[in-house]
Amino acid sequence: MSDPAYPTSPPTPTAAARVLVRRPPLRDCLAALRFPDIYRNFAIHLFVMLPAAVVMCTLAARVDAALGLTPPVAPWLAWSLGLTSIASGGLWVVYVYGYLCLSGGGSPGTHVDGGPTALVDTGPYTMVRHPSVIGKLAGVIGLGVIFQSATFLLGFVPILVVYALLTNRYLQERFCDERFGPQYQLYRQRVPMLVPRPAGVRRWLRDEAAVPEDMPRPEGMTQPAGIWMEFYGYLLGLAGLIALFGAIAWAVGHPT
């Protein structure tokens, strides 16, 4: 499949989901934040994830206090390191979301418009299947650094990573299987979920696709049924994690 010629000017926001660019450049990926497909999804994630992460950090800080753990560094250093991690993670998420929108013809969030209509297996997506998780992980780690919570960084973050892997595999990827069929199954075999392999890094550096370019690629397929269940699943999962962390904080603060 040959790359379509990229227009001389970026597409208008309303046309973002209909213009497919096989390998969009960095500049246009970052500029895609202005598209409704991107900023609505970004706003939903911030509205849901940021308060949830702050609550988790607060609970973790209570566990630290109950265990007698003291902050290891000065507050100014923690804020500097934490904000740097949050900013870099946010910038990475904007980039991969913009890449997915321009190359896949749809929002990264299936709950916004049903998700991409074309398989994206180039750029950061030829290295890992869920590159946005890397940026989100950097963000929550940065928040934990600001709170200076060892419990959050060493205990809660690993649980959040497992949660992200499970929801991505059994919620998000289920719809990708329905939409893209054999192409996505081959893509999943060749590209790891979160931890890059040397072969994937080489593909990205060489600007290669994970799936053969001449393999038929279904585009414009209808939205799979039950797509909103993915979003509801995320919300229920976050509520369950907060309840779990709250129970841990209570148990540590009220030993028998």
Protein backbone atom coordinates (compact mmCIF):
# COMPACT_ATOMS: atom_id res chain seq x y z
CA MET A 1 0.00 0.00 0.00
CA SER A 2 1.62 3.22 -1.10
CA ASP A 3 1.61 6.26 1.14
CA PRO A 4 -0.94 8.89 0.13
CA ALA A 5 0.52 12.28 -0.63
CA TYR A 6 0.38 14.48 2.42
CA PRO A 7 -1.61 17.71 1.85
CA THR A 8 0.29 20.98 1.73
CA SER A 9 -1.58 22.15 4.82
CA PRO A 10 -2.90 20.11 7.75
CA PRO A 11 -6.52 18.99 7.47
CA THR A 12 -9.21 20.94 9.19
CA PRO A 13 -10.31 19.60 12.59
CA THR A 14 -13.63 18.36 11.21
CA ALA A 15 -11.82 16.37 8.52
CA ALA A 16 -9.18 14.89 10.82
CA ALA A 17 -10.87 11.51 11.07
CA ARG A 18 -11.32 11.23 7.29
CA VAL A 19 -7.77 12.05 6.13
CA LEU A 20 -5.48 9.04 6.36
CA VAL A 21 -1.75 9.73 6.47
CA ARG A 22 0.27 6.54 6.60
CA ARG A 23 3.29 8.11 8.34
CA PRO A 24 2.41 11.56 9.69
CA PRO A 25 5.35 13.75 10.75
CA LEU A 26 5.96 14.77 14.35
CA ARG A 27 4.90 18.38 13.77
CA ASP A 28 1.44 17.43 12.53
CA CYS A 29 0.96 14.79 15.21
CA LEU A 30 1.46 17.41 17.93
CA ALA A 31 -0.72 19.93 16.07
CA ALA A 32 -3.53 17.35 15.93
CA LEU A 33 -4.31 18.13 19.57
CA ARG A 34 -6.67 20.81 18.24
CA PHE A 35 -8.84 18.19 16.55
CA PRO A 36 -12.05 17.45 18.47
CA ASP A 37 -11.28 13.74 18.08
CA ILE A 38 -8.12 14.24 20.13
CA TYR A 39 -8.89 16.90 22.71
CA ARG A 40 -12.25 15.39 23.67
CA ASN A 41 -10.57 12.06 24.32
CA PHE A 42 -7.68 13.80 26.11
CA ALA A 43 -10.12 15.77 28.25
CA ILE A 44 -12.05 12.63 29.20
CA HIS A 45 -8.84 10.89 30.25
CA LEU A 46 -7.70 13.86 32.33
CA PHE A 47 -11.12 14.23 33.94
CA VAL A 48 -11.20 10.57 34.90
CA MET A 49 -7.56 9.67 35.48
CA LEU A 50 -6.15 12.76 37.19
CA PRO A 51 -8.60 12.83 40.15
CA ALA A 52 -8.32 9.04 40.45
CA ALA A 53 -4.51 9.20 40.50
CA VAL A 54 -4.53 12.00 43.10
CA VAL A 55 -6.85 9.96 45.33
CA MET A 56 -4.55 6.95 44.96
CA CYS A 57 -1.49 9.04 45.84
CA THR A 58 -3.29 10.46 48.89
CA LEU A 59 -4.13 6.96 50.08
CA ALA A 60 -0.55 5.86 49.47
CA ALA A 61 0.74 8.84 51.46
CA ARG A 62 -1.40 7.72 54.40
CA VAL A 63 0.18 4.28 54.19
CA ASP A 64 3.63 5.91 54.16
CA ALA A 65 2.75 7.90 57.27
CA ALA A 66 1.44 4.82 59.06
CA LEU A 67 4.65 2.96 58.21
CA GLY A 68 6.82 5.87 59.33
CA LEU A 69 8.28 6.51 55.86
CA THR A 70 9.64 10.03 55.41
CA PRO A 71 10.12 11.96 52.13
CA PRO A 72 13.62 11.20 50.79
CA VAL A 73 14.26 14.49 48.95
CA ALA A 74 13.51 18.18 49.29
CA PRO A 75 10.05 19.27 48.07
CA TRP A 76 11.46 21.53 45.33
CA LEU A 77 13.40 18.62 43.85
CA ALA A 78 10.40 16.31 44.02
CA TRP A 79 8.24 18.90 42.26
CA SER A 80 10.89 19.51 39.59
CA LEU A 81 11.36 15.82 38.83
CA GLY A 82 7.65 15.07 39.06
CA LEU A 83 6.52 17.89 36.77
CA THR A 84 9.22 16.98 34.24
CA SER A 85 7.96 13.39 34.17
CA ILE A 86 4.33 14.52 33.86
CA ALA A 87 5.13 17.00 31.08
CA SER A 88 7.21 14.53 29.08
CA GLY A 89 4.59 11.83 29.50
CA GLY A 90 1.83 14.20 28.41
CA LEU A 91 3.79 15.30 25.35
CA TRP A 92 4.35 11.68 24.36
CA VAL A 93 0.64 10.90 24.73
CA VAL A 94 -0.27 13.89 22.54
CA TYR A 95 2.19 12.67 19.90
CA VAL A 96 0.96 9.07 19.77
CA TYR A 97 -2.70 10.14 19.93
CA GLY A 98 -2.11 12.52 17.03
CA TYR A 99 -0.29 9.81 15.10
CA LEU A 100 -3.14 7.36 15.64
CA CYS A 101 -5.76 9.92 14.63
CA LEU A 102 -4.02 10.99 11.41
CA SER A 103 -2.89 7.53 10.38
CA GLY A 104 -5.91 5.58 11.60
CA GLY A 105 -8.72 7.94 10.71
CA GLY A 106 -10.36 8.03 14.14
CA SER A 107 -10.04 8.99 17.77
CA PRO A 108 -7.79 6.99 20.12
CA GLY A 109 -10.90 6.62 22.30
CA THR A 110 -13.50 4.18 21.03
CA HIS A 111 -16.01 5.93 23.30
CA VAL A 112 -15.55 9.20 21.35
CA ASP A 113 -16.16 8.10 17.77
CA GLY A 114 -15.65 4.34 17.65
CA GLY A 115 -11.89 4.46 17.25
CA PRO A 116 -9.57 4.21 14.23
CA THR A 117 -10.96 2.87 10.96
CA ALA A 118 -7.55 1.84 9.55
CA LEU A 119 -4.91 -0.35 11.15
CA VAL A 120 -1.93 1.70 12.37
CA ASP A 121 1.31 -0.30 12.40
CA THR A 122 3.95 2.35 11.65
CA GLY A 123 5.81 4.92 13.73
CA PRO A 124 5.53 4.33 17.49
CA TYR A 125 2.87 1.68 16.79
CA THR A 126 5.38 -0.52 14.98
CA MET A 127 7.35 -0.73 18.24
CA VAL A 128 4.58 -1.40 20.80
CA ARG A 129 0.83 -1.86 20.50
CA HIS A 130 -0.08 0.65 23.21
CA PRO A 131 2.54 3.41 23.21
CA SER A 132 0.24 5.85 25.01
CA VAL A 133 0.52 3.70 28.15
CA ILE A 134 4.20 4.63 28.35
CA GLY A 135 3.30 8.33 28.56
CA LYS A 136 0.50 7.72 31.05
CA LEU A 137 2.87 5.67 33.18
CA ALA A 138 5.39 8.53 33.15
CA GLY A 139 2.57 10.84 34.28
CA VAL A 140 1.47 8.76 37.26
CA ILE A 141 5.09 8.15 38.26
CA GLY A 142 5.65 11.90 38.19
CA LEU A 143 2.62 12.38 40.43
CA GLY A 144 3.98 9.80 42.84
CA VAL A 145 7.34 11.60 42.89
CA ILE A 146 5.58 14.87 43.76
CA PHE A 147 3.81 13.13 46.65
CA GLN A 148 7.11 11.42 47.50
CA SER A 149 5.22 8.22 48.21
CA ALA A 150 7.24 5.03 48.20
CA THR A 151 4.02 3.04 48.64
CA PHE A 152 2.57 4.52 45.47
CA LEU A 153 5.72 4.15 43.37
CA LEU A 154 6.72 0.67 44.54
CA GLY A 155 3.33 -0.82 45.41
CA PHE A 156 0.47 0.91 43.63
CA VAL A 157 2.14 1.67 40.26
CA PRO A 158 2.87 -2.02 39.49
CA ILE A 159 -0.80 -2.80 40.16
CA LEU A 160 -1.79 0.03 37.80
CA VAL A 161 0.48 -1.39 35.10
CA VAL A 162 -1.12 -4.83 35.42
CA TYR A 163 -4.55 -3.16 35.28
CA ALA A 164 -3.60 -1.30 32.09
CA LEU A 165 -2.28 -4.47 30.45
CA LEU A 166 -5.41 -6.44 31.26
CA THR A 167 -7.86 -3.76 30.12
CA ASN A 168 -5.94 -3.09 26.92
CA ARG A 169 -5.74 -6.78 26.08
CA TYR A 170 -9.26 -7.88 26.97
CA LEU A 171 -11.25 -4.68 26.34
CA GLN A 172 -9.57 -2.54 23.70
CA GLU A 173 -7.93 -5.27 21.64
CA ARG A 174 -11.14 -7.27 21.50
CA PHE A 175 -12.66 -4.53 19.35
CA CYS A 176 -9.49 -4.32 17.25
CA ASP A 177 -9.83 -8.03 16.52
CA GLU A 178 -13.44 -7.49 15.43
CA ARG A 179 -12.58 -4.51 13.25
CA PHE A 180 -9.30 -5.56 11.59
CA GLY A 181 -9.39 -9.36 11.78
CA PRO A 182 -6.32 -11.23 10.42
CA GLN A 183 -4.34 -7.99 10.00
CA TYR A 184 -4.58 -7.21 13.70
CA GLN A 185 -3.87 -10.80 14.69
CA LEU A 186 -0.64 -10.71 12.69
CA TYR A 187 0.14 -7.28 14.13
CA ARG A 188 -0.33 -8.60 17.68
CA GLN A 189 2.03 -11.51 16.97
CA ARG A 190 4.77 -9.20 15.72
CA VAL A 191 4.42 -6.24 18.08
CA PRO A 192 4.58 -6.52 21.91
CA MET A 193 2.01 -4.78 24.06
CA LEU A 194 4.23 -2.47 26.10
CA VAL A 195 7.92 -3.49 26.30
CA PRO A 196 9.74 -2.81 22.98
CA ARG A 197 11.85 -5.44 21.28
CA PRO A 198 15.00 -4.60 19.31
CA ALA A 199 13.24 -5.61 16.08
CA GLY A 200 10.46 -3.11 16.76
CA VAL A 201 12.90 -0.32 17.47
CA ARG A 202 14.71 -1.09 14.21
CA ARG A 203 11.41 -1.01 12.31
CA TRP A 204 10.63 2.44 13.68
CA LEU A 205 14.11 3.75 12.89
CA ARG A 206 13.86 2.36 9.35
CA ASP A 207 10.30 3.66 8.94
CA GLU A 208 8.96 0.15 8.34
CA ALA A 209 5.50 -1.22 9.00
CA ALA A 210 4.84 -4.22 11.24
CA VAL A 211 2.35 -5.77 8.79
CA PRO A 212 3.46 -6.27 5.16
CA GLU A 213 2.60 -3.23 3.06
CA ASP A 214 0.95 -5.35 0.35
CA MET A 215 -1.37 -7.12 2.80
CA PRO A 216 -5.01 -6.00 2.30
CA ARG A 217 -6.01 -3.48 4.93
CA PRO A 218 -9.70 -3.10 5.80
CA GLU A 219 -10.68 0.53 6.14
CA GLY A 220 -13.93 2.28 6.96
CA MET A 221 -15.42 -0.72 8.76
CA THR A 222 -18.48 -0.27 10.92
CA GLN A 223 -18.15 0.33 14.63
CA PRO A 224 -18.19 -2.94 16.62
CA ALA A 225 -21.21 -3.53 18.82
CA GLY A 226 -20.91 -2.74 22.52
CA ILE A 227 -18.06 -0.27 22.07
CA TRP A 228 -19.11 1.76 25.14
CA MET A 229 -18.51 -1.27 27.35
CA GLU A 230 -14.79 -0.54 27.05
CA PHE A 231 -15.24 2.88 28.67
CA TYR A 232 -17.53 1.52 31.37
CA GLY A 233 -15.01 -1.23 32.02
CA TYR A 234 -12.25 1.33 32.58
CA LEU A 235 -14.43 3.28 35.02
CA LEU A 236 -15.37 0.17 36.98
CA GLY A 237 -11.74 -0.90 37.06
CA LEU A 238 -10.58 2.46 38.42
CA ALA A 239 -13.31 2.41 41.06
CA GLY A 240 -12.21 -1.09 42.06
CA LEU A 241 -8.57 -0.02 42.32
CA ILE A 242 -9.44 2.98 44.48
CA ALA A 243 -11.50 0.71 46.74
CA LEU A 244 -8.58 -1.75 46.95
CA PHE A 245 -6.05 0.97 47.78
CA GLY A 246 -8.47 2.48 50.29
CA ALA A 247 -8.80 -0.88 52.03
CA ILE A 248 -5.01 -1.21 52.14
CA ALA A 249 -4.66 2.27 53.65
CA TRP A 250 -7.32 1.52 56.25
CA ALA A 251 -5.79 -1.85 57.15
CA VAL A 252 -2.31 -0.37 57.58
CA GLY A 253 -3.65 2.57 59.62
CA HIS A 254 -5.78 0.34 61.86
CA PRO A 255 -3.72 -2.76 62.62
CA THR A 256 -5.39 -5.41 64.70
